[in-house]
PDB file of N, CA and C in Angstrom:
ATOM      1  N   MET A   1     -21.082   1.978   1.256  1.00  0.00           N
ATOM      2  CA  MET A   1     -19.246   2.267   1.982  1.00  0.00           C
ATOM      3  C   MET A   1     -19.264   3.137   1.448  1.00  0.00           C
ATOM      4  N   SER A   2     -18.256   4.311   1.773  1.00  0.00           N
ATOM      5  CA  SER A   2     -17.960   5.213   0.855  1.00  0.00           C
ATOM      6  C   SER A   2     -16.299   5.383   0.498  1.00  0.00           C
ATOM      7  N   ASP A   3     -16.137   5.570  -0.393  1.00  0.00           N
ATOM      8  CA  ASP A   3     -14.314   5.719  -0.922  1.00  0.00           C
ATOM      9  C   ASP A   3     -13.611   5.850   0.032  1.00  0.00           C
ATOM     10  N   ALA A   4     -13.269   6.786   0.908  1.00  0.00           N
ATOM     11  CA  ALA A   4     -12.869   6.590   2.132  1.00  0.00           C
ATOM     12  C   ALA A   4     -12.470   5.108   3.510  1.00  0.00           C
ATOM     13  N   GLN A   5     -13.782   4.708   2.821  1.00  0.00           N
ATOM     14  CA  GLN A   5     -13.936   3.087   4.581  1.00  0.00           C
ATOM     15  C   GLN A   5     -13.771   2.214   3.475  1.00  0.00           C
ATOM     16  N   ILE A   6     -13.571   2.203   2.022  1.00  0.00           N
ATOM     17  CA  ILE A   6     -13.013   1.633   0.884  1.00  0.00           C
ATOM     18  C   ILE A   6     -11.683   1.503   1.147  1.00  0.00           C
ATOM     19  N   LEU A   7     -10.668   2.795   0.901  1.00  0.00           N
ATOM     20  CA  LEU A   7      -9.426   2.186   1.353  1.00  0.00           C
ATOM     21  C   LEU A   7      -8.968   2.570   3.095  1.00  0.00           C
ATOM     22  N   ARG A   8      -9.417   3.001   3.844  1.00  0.00           N
ATOM     23  CA  ARG A   8      -8.882   2.563   4.898  1.00  0.00           C
ATOM     24  C   ARG A   8      -9.363   0.746   5.305  1.00  0.00           C
ATOM     25  N   THR A   9      -9.898   0.481   5.265  1.00  0.00           N
ATOM     26  CA  THR A   9     -10.180  -0.933   5.240  1.00  0.00           C
ATOM     27  C   THR A   9      -8.952  -1.661   4.211  1.00  0.00           C
ATOM     28  N   VAL A  10      -9.217  -1.302   3.107  1.00  0.00           N
ATOM     29  CA  VAL A  10      -7.516  -1.906   2.652  1.00  0.00           C
ATOM     30  C   VAL A  10      -6.513  -1.958   2.977  1.00  0.00           C
ATOM     31  N   LEU A  11      -6.362  -0.391   3.165  1.00  0.00           N
ATOM     32  CA  LEU A  11      -4.895   0.311   4.113  1.00  0.00           C
ATOM     33  C   LEU A  11      -4.174  -0.128   5.685  1.00  0.00           C
ATOM     34  N   ASP A  12      -5.463  -0.437   6.450  1.00  0.00           N
ATOM     35  CA  ASP A  12      -5.685  -1.007   7.970  1.00  0.00           C
ATOM     36  C   ASP A  12      -4.826  -2.518   7.502  1.00  0.00           C
ATOM     37  N   ARG A  13      -5.246  -3.423   6.404  1.00  0.00           N
ATOM     38  CA  ARG A  13      -5.183  -5.004   6.100  1.00  0.00           C
ATOM     39  C   ARG A  13      -3.388  -4.615   5.814  1.00  0.00           C
ATOM     40  N   TRP A  14      -2.796  -3.982   4.290  1.00  0.00           N
ATOM     41  CA  TRP A  14      -1.607  -3.913   4.823  1.00  0.00           C
ATOM     42  C   TRP A  14      -0.847  -3.191   5.606  1.00  0.00           C
ATOM     43  N   LYS A  15      -1.413  -2.118   6.466  1.00  0.00           N
ATOM     44  CA  LYS A  15      -0.408  -1.143   7.479  1.00  0.00           C
ATOM     45  C   LYS A  15      -0.352  -2.476   8.232  1.00  0.00           C
ATOM     46  N   SER A  16      -1.421  -3.532   8.520  1.00  0.00           N
ATOM     47  CA  SER A  16      -0.792  -4.312   9.530  1.00  0.00           C
ATOM     48  C   SER A  16      -0.252  -6.157   9.367  1.00  0.00           C
ATOM     49  N   ALA A  17      -0.197  -6.099   7.920  1.00  0.00           N
ATOM     50  CA  ALA A  17       0.938  -7.268   7.287  1.00  0.00           C
ATOM     51  C   ALA A  17       2.312  -6.245   7.377  1.00  0.00           C
ATOM     52  N   VAL A  18       2.340  -5.127   6.997  1.00  0.00           N
ATOM     53  CA  VAL A  18       3.765  -4.156   6.840  1.00  0.00           C
ATOM     54  C   VAL A  18       4.472  -4.614   8.523  1.00  0.00           C
ATOM     55  N   ASP A  19       3.619  -3.781   9.081  1.00  0.00           N
ATOM     56  CA  ASP A  19       3.659  -3.757  11.372  1.00  0.00           C
ATOM     57  C   ASP A  19       3.913  -5.271  11.670  1.00  0.00           C
ATOM     58  N   ALA A  20       3.522  -7.101  10.851  1.00  0.00           N
ATOM     59  CA  ALA A  20       4.310  -8.047  11.417  1.00  0.00           C
ATOM     60  C   ALA A  20       5.206  -8.731  10.673  1.00  0.00           C
ATOM     61  N   HIS A  21       5.928  -7.579   9.865  1.00  0.00           N
ATOM     62  CA  HIS A  21       6.470  -8.237   9.051  1.00  0.00           C
ATOM     63  C   HIS A  21       6.330 -10.107   7.996  1.00  0.00           C
ATOM     64  N   GLU A  22       5.062  -9.682   7.140  1.00  0.00           N
ATOM     65  CA  GLU A  22       4.275 -11.021   6.737  1.00  0.00           C
ATOM     66  C   GLU A  22       4.374 -10.863   4.748  1.00  0.00           C
ATOM     67  N   PRO A  23       5.922 -10.151   4.401  1.00  0.00           N
ATOM     68  CA  PRO A  23       5.193 -10.157   2.868  1.00  0.00           C
ATOM     69  C   PRO A  23       4.575 -10.587   2.215  1.00  0.00           C
ATOM     70  N   ASP A  24       4.535 -11.417   2.340  1.00  0.00           N
ATOM     71  CA  ASP A  24       3.438 -12.932   1.995  1.00  0.00           C
ATOM     72  C   ASP A  24       1.675 -11.894   1.292  1.00  0.00           C
ATOM     73  N   ARG A  25       2.011 -12.162   3.282  1.00  0.00           N
ATOM     74  CA  ARG A  25       0.253 -11.109   3.422  1.00  0.00           C
ATOM     75  C   ARG A  25       0.157 -10.284   2.346  1.00  0.00           C
ATOM     76  N   VAL A  26       1.052  -8.629   2.876  1.00  0.00           N
ATOM     77  CA  VAL A  26       1.068  -7.774   2.591  1.00  0.00           C
ATOM     78  C   VAL A  26       0.904  -7.668   0.695  1.00  0.00           C
ATOM     79  N   ALA A  27       1.648  -8.478  -0.010  1.00  0.00           N
ATOM     80  CA  ALA A  27       1.390  -9.135  -1.168  1.00  0.00           C
ATOM     81  C   ALA A  27       0.065  -9.817  -1.776  1.00  0.00           C
ATOM     82  N   SER A  28      -0.397 -10.044  -0.639  1.00  0.00           N
ATOM     83  CA  SER A  28      -2.284 -10.790  -1.016  1.00  0.00           C
ATOM     84  C   SER A  28      -2.946  -9.618  -1.092  1.00  0.00           C
ATOM     85  N   TYR A  29      -2.705  -9.040  -0.563  1.00  0.00           N
ATOM     86  CA  TYR A  29      -4.049  -7.672  -0.542  1.00  0.00           C
ATOM     87  C   TYR A  29      -3.829  -6.785  -2.266  1.00  0.00           C
ATOM     88  N   PHE A  30      -3.014  -7.395  -2.569  1.00  0.00           N
ATOM     89  CA  PHE A  30      -2.491  -7.446  -4.418  1.00  0.00           C
ATOM     90  C   PHE A  30      -3.289  -7.550  -5.861  1.00  0.00           C
ATOM     91  N   THR A  31      -3.311  -7.134  -6.538  1.00  0.00           N
ATOM     92  CA  THR A  31      -4.523  -7.763  -7.561  1.00  0.00           C
ATOM     93  C   THR A  31      -2.880  -8.755  -7.978  1.00  0.00           C
ATOM     94  N   GLU A  32      -3.548  -9.683  -8.744  1.00  0.00           N
ATOM     95  CA  GLU A  32      -2.006 -10.485  -9.674  1.00  0.00           C
ATOM     96  C   GLU A  32      -1.322  -9.758 -10.466  1.00  0.00           C
ATOM     97  N   ASP A  33      -1.530  -9.307 -11.113  1.00  0.00           N
ATOM     98  CA  ASP A  33      -0.878  -8.157 -12.145  1.00  0.00           C
ATOM     99  C   ASP A  33      -0.269  -6.190 -11.594  1.00  0.00           C
ATOM    100  N   ALA A  34      -0.399  -6.451 -10.522  1.00  0.00           N
ATOM    101  CA  ALA A  34      -0.210  -4.994  -9.838  1.00  0.00           C
ATOM    102  C   ALA A  34       0.895  -4.466 -10.027  1.00  0.00           C
ATOM    103  N   ILE A  35       1.005  -3.098 -10.172  1.00  0.00           N
ATOM    104  CA  ILE A  35       2.349  -2.588 -10.492  1.00  0.00           C
ATOM    105  C   ILE A  35       2.368  -2.182  -9.833  1.00  0.00           C
ATOM    106  N   PHE A  36       3.827  -1.845  -8.702  1.00  0.00           N
ATOM    107  CA  PHE A  36       4.163  -1.828  -7.693  1.00  0.00           C
ATOM    108  C   PHE A  36       5.548  -1.345  -7.677  1.00  0.00           C
ATOM    109  N   GLN A  37       5.273   0.618  -7.043  1.00  0.00           N
ATOM    110  CA  GLN A  37       6.613   0.793  -7.359  1.00  0.00           C
ATOM    111  C   GLN A  37       6.755   1.961  -5.828  1.00  0.00           C
ATOM    112  N   GLY A  38       7.961   0.714  -4.975  1.00  0.00           N
ATOM    113  CA  GLY A  38       7.935   1.648  -3.841  1.00  0.00           C
ATOM    114  C   GLY A  38       9.063   2.712  -4.087  1.00  0.00           C
ATOM    115  N   LEU A  39      10.255   3.065  -2.692  1.00  0.00           N
ATOM    116  CA  LEU A  39      11.232   3.672  -3.357  1.00  0.00           C
ATOM    117  C   LEU A  39      12.312   3.010  -4.214  1.00  0.00           C
ATOM    118  N   HIS A  40      12.242   1.645  -4.306  1.00  0.00           N
ATOM    119  CA  HIS A  40      13.942   0.329  -5.494  1.00  0.00           C
ATOM    120  C   HIS A  40      12.771   0.650  -6.539  1.00  0.00           C
ATOM    121  N   PRO A  41      13.255  -0.178  -7.900  1.00  0.00           N
ATOM    122  CA  PRO A  41      12.605  -0.404  -9.342  1.00  0.00           C
ATOM    123  C   PRO A  41      10.855  -1.083  -9.007  1.00  0.00           C
ATOM    124  N   TYR A  42      10.893  -0.585  -9.531  1.00  0.00           N
ATOM    125  CA  TYR A  42       9.121  -1.166  -9.973  1.00  0.00           C
ATOM    126  C   TYR A  42       8.896  -2.633 -10.268  1.00  0.00           C
ATOM    127  N   ALA A  43       7.559  -3.639  -9.413  1.00  0.00           N
ATOM    128  CA  ALA A  43       7.768  -4.525  -9.627  1.00  0.00           C
ATOM    129  C   ALA A  43       6.020  -4.747 -10.590  1.00  0.00           C
ATOM    130  N   VAL A  44       6.173  -5.852 -10.981  1.00  0.00           N
ATOM    131  CA  VAL A  44       4.210  -6.275 -11.561  1.00  0.00           C
ATOM    132  C   VAL A  44       3.988  -7.265 -10.955  1.00  0.00           C
ATOM    133  N   GLY A  45       2.978  -7.248 -10.428  1.00  0.00           N
ATOM    134  CA  GLY A  45       2.463  -8.677  -9.742  1.00  0.00           C
ATOM    135  C   GLY A  45       3.048  -8.990  -8.427  1.00  0.00           C
ATOM    136  N   ARG A  46       2.528 -10.378  -7.642  1.00  0.00           N
ATOM    137  CA  ARG A  46       2.039 -10.510  -5.487  1.00  0.00           C
ATOM    138  C   ARG A  46       3.867 -10.643  -5.703  1.00  0.00           C
ATOM    139  N   ALA A  47       4.785 -11.466  -6.714  1.00  0.00           N
ATOM    140  CA  ALA A  47       6.225 -11.903  -5.984  1.00  0.00           C
ATOM    141  C   ALA A  47       7.180 -10.374  -6.038  1.00  0.00           C
ATOM    142  N   GLY A  48       6.457  -9.602  -6.591  1.00  0.00           N
ATOM    143  CA  GLY A  48       7.213  -8.752  -6.775  1.00  0.00           C
ATOM    144  C   GLY A  48       7.357  -7.751  -5.694  1.00  0.00           C
ATOM    145  N   VAL A  49       6.045  -7.512  -5.307  1.00  0.00           N
ATOM    146  CA  VAL A  49       5.250  -6.709  -3.828  1.00  0.00           C
ATOM    147  C   VAL A  49       6.649  -8.072  -3.060  1.00  0.00           C
ATOM    148  N   ALA A  50       5.927  -9.012  -2.107  1.00  0.00           N
ATOM    149  CA  ALA A  50       6.267  -9.177  -1.328  1.00  0.00           C
ATOM    150  C   ALA A  50       8.126  -9.513  -1.156  1.00  0.00           C
ATOM    151  N   ALA A  51       8.789  -9.964  -1.911  1.00  0.00           N
ATOM    152  CA  ALA A  51      10.248  -9.272  -2.642  1.00  0.00           C
ATOM    153  C   ALA A  51      10.400  -8.922  -1.395  1.00  0.00           C
ATOM    154  N   TYR A  52       9.964  -7.199  -2.006  1.00  0.00           N
ATOM    155  CA  TYR A  52      10.423  -5.726  -1.875  1.00  0.00           C
ATOM    156  C   TYR A  52      10.151  -5.886  -0.842  1.00  0.00           C
ATOM    157  N   TYR A  53       9.190  -6.300   0.811  1.00  0.00           N
ATOM    158  CA  TYR A  53       8.592  -5.721   1.886  1.00  0.00           C
ATOM    159  C   TYR A  53       9.162  -6.998   2.330  1.00  0.00           C
ATOM    160  N   ALA A  54       9.790  -7.688   1.902  1.00  0.00           N
ATOM    161  CA  ALA A  54      10.699  -9.301   2.587  1.00  0.00           C
ATOM    162  C   ALA A  54      11.615  -8.514   2.905  1.00  0.00           C
ATOM    163  N   ALA A  55      12.757  -7.970   1.954  1.00  0.00           N
ATOM    164  CA  ALA A  55      13.590  -7.256   2.004  1.00  0.00           C
ATOM    165  C   ALA A  55      14.075  -5.566   3.311  1.00  0.00           C
ATOM    166  N   GLN A  56      13.118  -5.648   3.250  1.00  0.00           N
ATOM    167  CA  GLN A  56      12.733  -4.557   4.373  1.00  0.00           C
ATOM    168  C   GLN A  56      13.216  -4.555   5.708  1.00  0.00           C
ATOM    169  N   PRO A  57      13.671  -3.856   6.383  1.00  0.00           N
ATOM    170  CA  PRO A  57      14.174  -4.550   8.039  1.00  0.00           C
ATOM    171  C   PRO A  57      13.339  -4.660   9.083  1.00  0.00           C
ATOM    172  N   LEU A  58      12.992  -5.763  10.249  1.00  0.00           N
ATOM    173  CA  LEU A  58      12.618  -6.275  10.817  1.00  0.00           C
ATOM    174  C   LEU A  58      12.016  -5.147  11.835  1.00  0.00           C
ATOM    175  N   GLY A  59      10.658  -4.965  12.004  1.00  0.00           N
ATOM    176  CA  GLY A  59      10.518  -3.233  12.589  1.00  0.00           C
ATOM    177  C   GLY A  59      10.011  -2.495  12.053  1.00  0.00           C
ATOM    178  N   LEU A  60      10.110  -2.485  10.443  1.00  0.00           N
ATOM    179  CA  LEU A  60       9.496  -1.222  10.160  1.00  0.00           C
ATOM    180  C   LEU A  60       8.065  -0.979  10.280  1.00  0.00           C
ATOM    181  N   THR A  61       7.597  -0.182  10.197  1.00  0.00           N
ATOM    182  CA  THR A  61       5.576   0.065  10.725  1.00  0.00           C
ATOM    183  C   THR A  61       5.002   1.141   9.921  1.00  0.00           C
ATOM    184  N   ALA A  62       4.015   1.267   9.806  1.00  0.00           N
ATOM    185  CA  ALA A  62       3.442   1.830   8.376  1.00  0.00           C
ATOM    186  C   ALA A  62       2.309   2.825   9.773  1.00  0.00           C
ATOM    187  N   ALA A  63       2.811   3.616   9.381  1.00  0.00           N
ATOM    188  CA  ALA A  63       1.031   5.383   9.975  1.00  0.00           C
ATOM    189  C   ALA A  63       1.163   5.893   8.501  1.00  0.00           C
ATOM    190  N   TYR A  64      -0.846   5.967   8.432  1.00  0.00           N
ATOM    191  CA  TYR A  64      -0.702   6.388   7.123  1.00  0.00           C
ATOM    192  C   TYR A  64      -1.698   7.715   7.193  1.00  0.00           C
ATOM    193  N   GLU A  65      -2.087   8.559   6.668  1.00  0.00           N
ATOM    194  CA  GLU A  65      -3.255   9.860   6.671  1.00  0.00           C
ATOM    195  C   GLU A  65      -3.679   9.684   5.623  1.00  0.00           C
ATOM    196  N   ILE A  66      -4.996   9.457   5.197  1.00  0.00           N
ATOM    197  CA  ILE A  66      -6.102   9.578   3.885  1.00  0.00           C
ATOM    198  C   ILE A  66      -6.081  11.090   3.728  1.00  0.00           C
ATOM    199  N   ARG A  67      -5.594  11.589   2.234  1.00  0.00           N
ATOM    200  CA  ARG A  67      -5.751  13.451   1.732  1.00  0.00           C
ATOM    201  C   ARG A  67      -6.970  12.791   0.691  1.00  0.00           C
ATOM    202  N   GLU A  68      -6.599  12.061   0.003  1.00  0.00           N
ATOM    203  CA  GLU A  68      -8.037  12.217  -1.073  1.00  0.00           C
ATOM    204  C   GLU A  68      -8.338  10.581  -1.465  1.00  0.00           C
ATOM    205  N   THR A  69      -9.294  10.542  -1.522  1.00  0.00           N
ATOM    206  CA  THR A  69     -10.213  10.166  -2.380  1.00  0.00           C
ATOM    207  C   THR A  69     -10.886  10.278  -3.389  1.00  0.00           C
ATOM    208  N   ARG A  70     -10.822   9.114  -4.877  1.00  0.00           N
ATOM    209  CA  ARG A  70     -11.969   9.675  -6.121  1.00  0.00           C
ATOM    210  C   ARG A  70     -12.414   8.104  -6.422  1.00  0.00           C
ATOM    211  N   ARG A  71     -13.667   7.870  -6.828  1.00  0.00           N
ATOM    212  CA  ARG A  71     -14.396   7.281  -7.398  1.00  0.00           C
ATOM    213  C   ARG A  71     -14.166   7.742  -8.528  1.00  0.00           C
ATOM    214  N   LEU A  72     -13.178   6.585  -9.489  1.00  0.00           N
ATOM    215  CA  LEU A  72     -13.169   6.794 -10.842  1.00  0.00           C
ATOM    216  C   LEU A  72     -13.989   5.701 -12.057  1.00  0.00           C
ATOM    217  N   ALA A  73     -14.364   4.551 -11.771  1.00  0.00           N
ATOM    218  CA  ALA A  73     -15.380   3.603 -12.057  1.00  0.00           C
ATOM    219  C   ALA A  73     -16.668   3.072 -10.620  1.00  0.00           C
ATOM    220  N   ASP A  74     -17.034   2.097 -10.909  1.00  0.00           N
ATOM    221  CA  ASP A  74     -17.820   1.347 -10.323  1.00  0.00           C
ATOM    222  C   ASP A  74     -16.744   0.843  -9.165  1.00  0.00           C
ATOM    223  N   ASP A  75     -16.004   0.258 -10.527  1.00  0.00           N
ATOM    224  CA  ASP A  75     -15.194  -0.295  -9.402  1.00  0.00           C
ATOM    225  C   ASP A  75     -13.649  -0.098  -9.154  1.00  0.00           C
ATOM    226  N   LEU A  76     -13.087   0.888  -9.514  1.00  0.00           N
ATOM    227  CA  LEU A  76     -12.217   1.439  -9.169  1.00  0.00           C
ATOM    228  C   LEU A  76     -11.915   2.874  -7.749  1.00  0.00           C
ATOM    229  N   VAL A  77     -11.107   3.209  -7.095  1.00  0.00           N
ATOM    230  CA  VAL A  77     -10.825   4.136  -5.865  1.00  0.00           C
ATOM    231  C   VAL A  77      -9.219   4.221  -6.137  1.00  0.00           C
ATOM    232  N   LEU A  78      -9.949   5.858  -6.390  1.00  0.00           N
ATOM    233  CA  LEU A  78      -7.888   5.835  -6.210  1.00  0.00           C
ATOM    234  C   LEU A  78      -7.957   6.682  -4.916  1.00  0.00           C
ATOM    235  N   GLY A  79      -6.612   6.771  -4.389  1.00  0.00           N
ATOM    236  CA  GLY A  79      -6.844   7.206  -2.423  1.00  0.00           C
ATOM    237  C   GLY A  79      -4.874   7.905  -3.126  1.00  0.00           C
ATOM    238  N   TYR A  80      -5.109   8.943  -2.461  1.00  0.00           N
ATOM    239  CA  TYR A  80      -4.027   9.293  -1.953  1.00  0.00           C
ATOM    240  C   TYR A  80      -3.519  10.269  -0.869  1.00  0.00           C
ATOM    241  N   LEU A  81      -2.638   9.209  -0.096  1.00  0.00           N
ATOM    242  CA  LEU A  81      -2.009   9.499   1.348  1.00  0.00           C
ATOM    243  C   LEU A  81      -0.461   9.601   1.895  1.00  0.00           C
ATOM    244  N   GLU A  82      -0.692  10.458   3.108  1.00  0.00           N
ATOM    245  CA  GLU A  82       0.953  10.882   3.437  1.00  0.00           C
ATOM    246  C   GLU A  82       1.168   9.331   4.292  1.00  0.00           C
ATOM    247  N   VAL A  83       1.857   9.156   4.532  1.00  0.00           N
ATOM    248  CA  VAL A  83       2.679   7.505   5.278  1.00  0.00           C
ATOM    249  C   VAL A  83       4.281   7.689   5.489  1.00  0.00           C
ATOM    250  N   GLU A  84       4.359   7.507   6.743  1.00  0.00           N
ATOM    251  CA  GLU A  84       5.086   7.654   7.591  1.00  0.00           C
ATOM    252  C   GLU A  84       5.911   5.916   8.299  1.00  0.00           C
ATOM    253  N   PHE A  85       6.957   5.959   7.355  1.00  0.00           N
ATOM    254  CA  PHE A  85       7.659   4.305   7.887  1.00  0.00           C
ATOM    255  C   PHE A  85       8.716   4.742   8.406  1.00  0.00           C
ATOM    256  N   GLY A  86       7.828   3.810  10.521  1.00  0.00           N
ATOM    257  CA  GLY A  86       8.833   4.295  11.160  1.00  0.00           C
ATOM    258  C   GLY A  86       9.877   2.825  11.329  1.00  0.00           C
ATOM    259  N   PHE A  87      10.751   2.832  11.679  1.00  0.00           N
ATOM    260  CA  PHE A  87      12.215   2.227  11.836  1.00  0.00           C
ATOM    261  C   PHE A  87      12.970   2.284  13.235  1.00  0.00           C
ATOM    262  N   THR A  88      13.770   1.133  13.913  1.00  0.00           N
ATOM    263  CA  THR A  88      14.089   0.472  15.272  1.00  0.00           C
ATOM    264  C   THR A  88      15.501   1.135  15.174  1.00  0.00           C
ATOM    265  N   ASP A  89      16.159   1.738  14.057  1.00  0.00           N
ATOM    266  CA  ASP A  89      17.142   2.382  13.944  1.00  0.00           C
ATOM    267  C   ASP A  89      17.679   3.673  13.318  1.00  0.00           C
ATOM    268  N   ARG A  90      16.819   4.175  12.417  1.00  0.00           N
ATOM    269  CA  ARG A  90      16.733   5.385  12.028  1.00  0.00           C
ATOM    270  C   ARG A  90      15.383   6.141  12.068  1.00  0.00           C
ATOM    271  N   PRO A  91      15.964   7.287  11.810  1.00  0.00           N
ATOM    272  CA  PRO A  91      14.571   7.995  11.539  1.00  0.00           C
ATOM    273  C   PRO A  91      13.515   7.561  10.886  1.00  0.00           C
ATOM    274  N   ALA A  92      12.202   8.482  11.026  1.00  0.00           N
ATOM    275  CA  ALA A  92      10.968   7.756  10.243  1.00  0.00           C
ATOM    276  C   ALA A  92      11.154   8.570   9.052  1.00  0.00           C
ATOM    277  N   LEU A  93      11.091   7.964   7.698  1.00  0.00           N
ATOM    278  CA  LEU A  93      10.541   8.295   6.679  1.00  0.00           C
ATOM    279  C   LEU A  93       8.597   8.962   6.379  1.00  0.00           C
ATOM    280  N   THR A  94       9.135   9.810   6.210  1.00  0.00           N
ATOM    281  CA  THR A  94       7.921  10.174   5.073  1.00  0.00           C
ATOM    282  C   THR A  94       7.570  10.526   3.878  1.00  0.00           C
ATOM    283  N   VAL A  95       6.946  10.015   2.825  1.00  0.00           N
ATOM    284  CA  VAL A  95       6.439   9.712   2.012  1.00  0.00           C
ATOM    285  C   VAL A  95       4.805   9.898   1.950  1.00  0.00           C
ATOM    286  N   HIS A  96       4.949  10.509  -0.198  1.00  0.00           N
ATOM    287  CA  HIS A  96       3.277  10.321   0.211  1.00  0.00           C
ATOM    288  C   HIS A  96       2.761   8.939  -1.094  1.00  0.00           C
ATOM    289  N   LEU A  97       1.628   8.680  -0.705  1.00  0.00           N
ATOM    290  CA  LEU A  97       1.763   6.830  -1.258  1.00  0.00           C
ATOM    291  C   LEU A  97       0.139   7.462  -1.977  1.00  0.00           C
ATOM    292  N   GLY A  98       0.347   6.955  -3.521  1.00  0.00           N
ATOM    293  CA  GLY A  98      -0.924   7.110  -4.705  1.00  0.00           C
ATOM    294  C   GLY A  98      -1.155   5.763  -4.726  1.00  0.00           C
ATOM    295  N   VAL A  99      -2.269   4.974  -5.027  1.00  0.00           N
ATOM    296  CA  VAL A  99      -2.779   4.017  -4.751  1.00  0.00           C
ATOM    297  C   VAL A  99      -4.259   3.850  -5.630  1.00  0.00           C
ATOM    298  N   LEU A 100      -4.112   2.620  -6.324  1.00  0.00           N
ATOM    299  CA  LEU A 100      -5.630   2.609  -7.023  1.00  0.00           C
ATOM    300  C   LEU A 100      -6.402   1.153  -7.218  1.00  0.00           C
ATOM    301  N   LEU A 101      -7.203   1.076  -6.028  1.00  0.00           N
ATOM    302  CA  LEU A 101      -7.678  -0.374  -5.710  1.00  0.00           C
ATOM    303  C   LEU A 101      -8.776  -0.868  -7.058  1.00  0.00           C
ATOM    304  N   SER A 102      -8.972  -1.991  -7.173  1.00  0.00           N
ATOM    305  CA  SER A 102      -9.982  -2.761  -7.816  1.00  0.00           C
ATOM    306  C   SER A 102     -10.772  -3.390  -6.753  1.00  0.00           C
ATOM    307  N   ARG A 103     -11.992  -4.012  -7.447  1.00  0.00           N
ATOM    308  CA  ARG A 103     -13.297  -4.386  -6.970  1.00  0.00           C
ATOM    309  C   ARG A 103     -12.682  -5.690  -7.838  1.00  0.00           C
ATOM    310  N   ALA A 104     -12.990  -6.756  -6.642  1.00  0.00           N
ATOM    311  CA  ALA A 104     -12.296  -8.165  -6.832  1.00  0.00           C
ATOM    312  C   ALA A 104     -13.551  -8.941  -6.115  1.00  0.00           C
ATOM    313  N   GLY A 105     -14.839  -8.981  -6.801  1.00  0.00           N
ATOM    314  CA  GLY A 105     -15.521  -9.837  -6.018  1.00  0.00           C
ATOM    315  C   GLY A 105     -16.505  -8.600  -4.923  1.00  0.00           C
ATOM    316  N   ASN A 106     -16.807  -9.426  -3.891  1.00  0.00           N
ATOM    317  CA  ASN A 106     -16.505  -8.319  -3.131  1.00  0.00           C
ATOM    318  C   ASN A 106     -15.509  -8.016  -2.086  1.00  0.00           C
ATOM    319  N   ASP A 107     -14.693  -7.835  -2.499  1.00  0.00           N
ATOM    320  CA  ASP A 107     -13.005  -7.415  -1.730  1.00  0.00           C
ATOM    321  C   ASP A 107     -12.973  -6.421  -2.448  1.00  0.00           C
ATOM    322  N   TRP A 108     -11.439  -5.531  -2.453  1.00  0.00           N
ATOM    323  CA  TRP A 108     -10.684  -5.118  -2.757  1.00  0.00           C
ATOM    324  C   TRP A 108      -9.865  -4.741  -2.445  1.00  0.00           C
ATOM    325  N   LEU A 109      -8.890  -4.721  -3.779  1.00  0.00           N
ATOM    326  CA  LEU A 109      -7.372  -5.416  -3.996  1.00  0.00           C
ATOM    327  C   LEU A 109      -6.559  -3.946  -4.776  1.00  0.00           C
ATOM    328  N   ILE A 110      -5.024  -3.708  -4.004  1.00  0.00           N
ATOM    329  CA  ILE A 110      -4.605  -2.767  -4.475  1.00  0.00           C
ATOM    330  C   ILE A 110      -3.723  -2.793  -6.212  1.00  0.00           C
ATOM    331  N   ALA A 111      -3.860  -2.265  -6.917  1.00  0.00           N
ATOM    332  CA  ALA A 111      -3.918  -3.108  -8.182  1.00  0.00           C
ATOM    333  C   ALA A 111      -2.767  -1.509  -8.439  1.00  0.00           C
ATOM    334  N   HIS A 112      -2.523  -0.871  -8.190  1.00  0.00           N
ATOM    335  CA  HIS A 112      -1.387   0.450  -8.509  1.00  0.00           C
ATOM    336  C   HIS A 112      -0.932   0.867  -7.467  1.00  0.00           C
ATOM    337  N   TYR A 113       0.070   1.171  -7.234  1.00  0.00           N
ATOM    338  CA  TYR A 113       0.986   1.933  -6.026  1.00  0.00           C
ATOM    339  C   TYR A 113       2.722   2.653  -6.003  1.00  0.00           C
ATOM    340  N   GLN A 114       2.772   3.723  -5.836  1.00  0.00           N
ATOM    341  CA  GLN A 114       3.432   4.567  -6.220  1.00  0.00           C
ATOM    342  C   GLN A 114       3.342   5.024  -5.386  1.00  0.00           C
ATOM    343  N   VAL A 115       5.020   5.351  -4.697  1.00  0.00           N
ATOM    344  CA  VAL A 115       5.259   5.941  -3.470  1.00  0.00           C
ATOM    345  C   VAL A 115       6.182   7.399  -4.461  1.00  0.00           C
ATOM    346  N   SER A 116       6.227   8.499  -4.154  1.00  0.00           N
ATOM    347  CA  SER A 116       6.910   9.163  -3.823  1.00  0.00           C
ATOM    348  C   SER A 116       7.263  10.335  -3.031  1.00  0.00           C
ATOM    349  N   ARG A 117       8.627  10.612  -2.689  1.00  0.00           N
ATOM    350  CA  ARG A 117       9.619  11.479  -1.584  1.00  0.00           C
ATOM    351  C   ARG A 117       9.298  12.814  -1.963  1.00  0.00           C
ATOM    352  N   LEU A 118       8.559  13.690  -1.581  1.00  0.00           N
ATOM    353  CA  LEU A 118       8.628  14.997  -1.402  1.00  0.00           C
ATOM    354  C   LEU A 118       9.050  15.504   0.236  1.00  0.00           C
ATOM    355  N   ASN A 119       9.847  16.942  -0.340  1.00  0.00           N
ATOM    356  CA  ASN A 119      10.738  17.194   0.632  1.00  0.00           C
ATOM    357  C   ASN A 119      10.085  18.430   0.572  1.00  0.00           C
TER     358      ASN A 119
END
């Protein structure tokens, strides 16, 4: 599987859980010790990821476009994306997202997640 396919597989699962407003499922796609930086103070671990997404409004959706991927090691893939978060009550918010995926057995999980707002 190519690096872009690996990234797409992981981000499709993440998007599905975000769109369904299932914070615990979102968190399950992260490593136990993931570093997570959304638009609020950072968290470490799945509990912080779940809490972040639980606080997001119902109806939040995510649409992403992969900009770049890099294989850093056999078990690490770096991804850079543009993500548009849609809301039911305000304009969409576009951010840049950097993720580091780590192989966990036969699966891949998000080990680092960093959002940036660039205008």
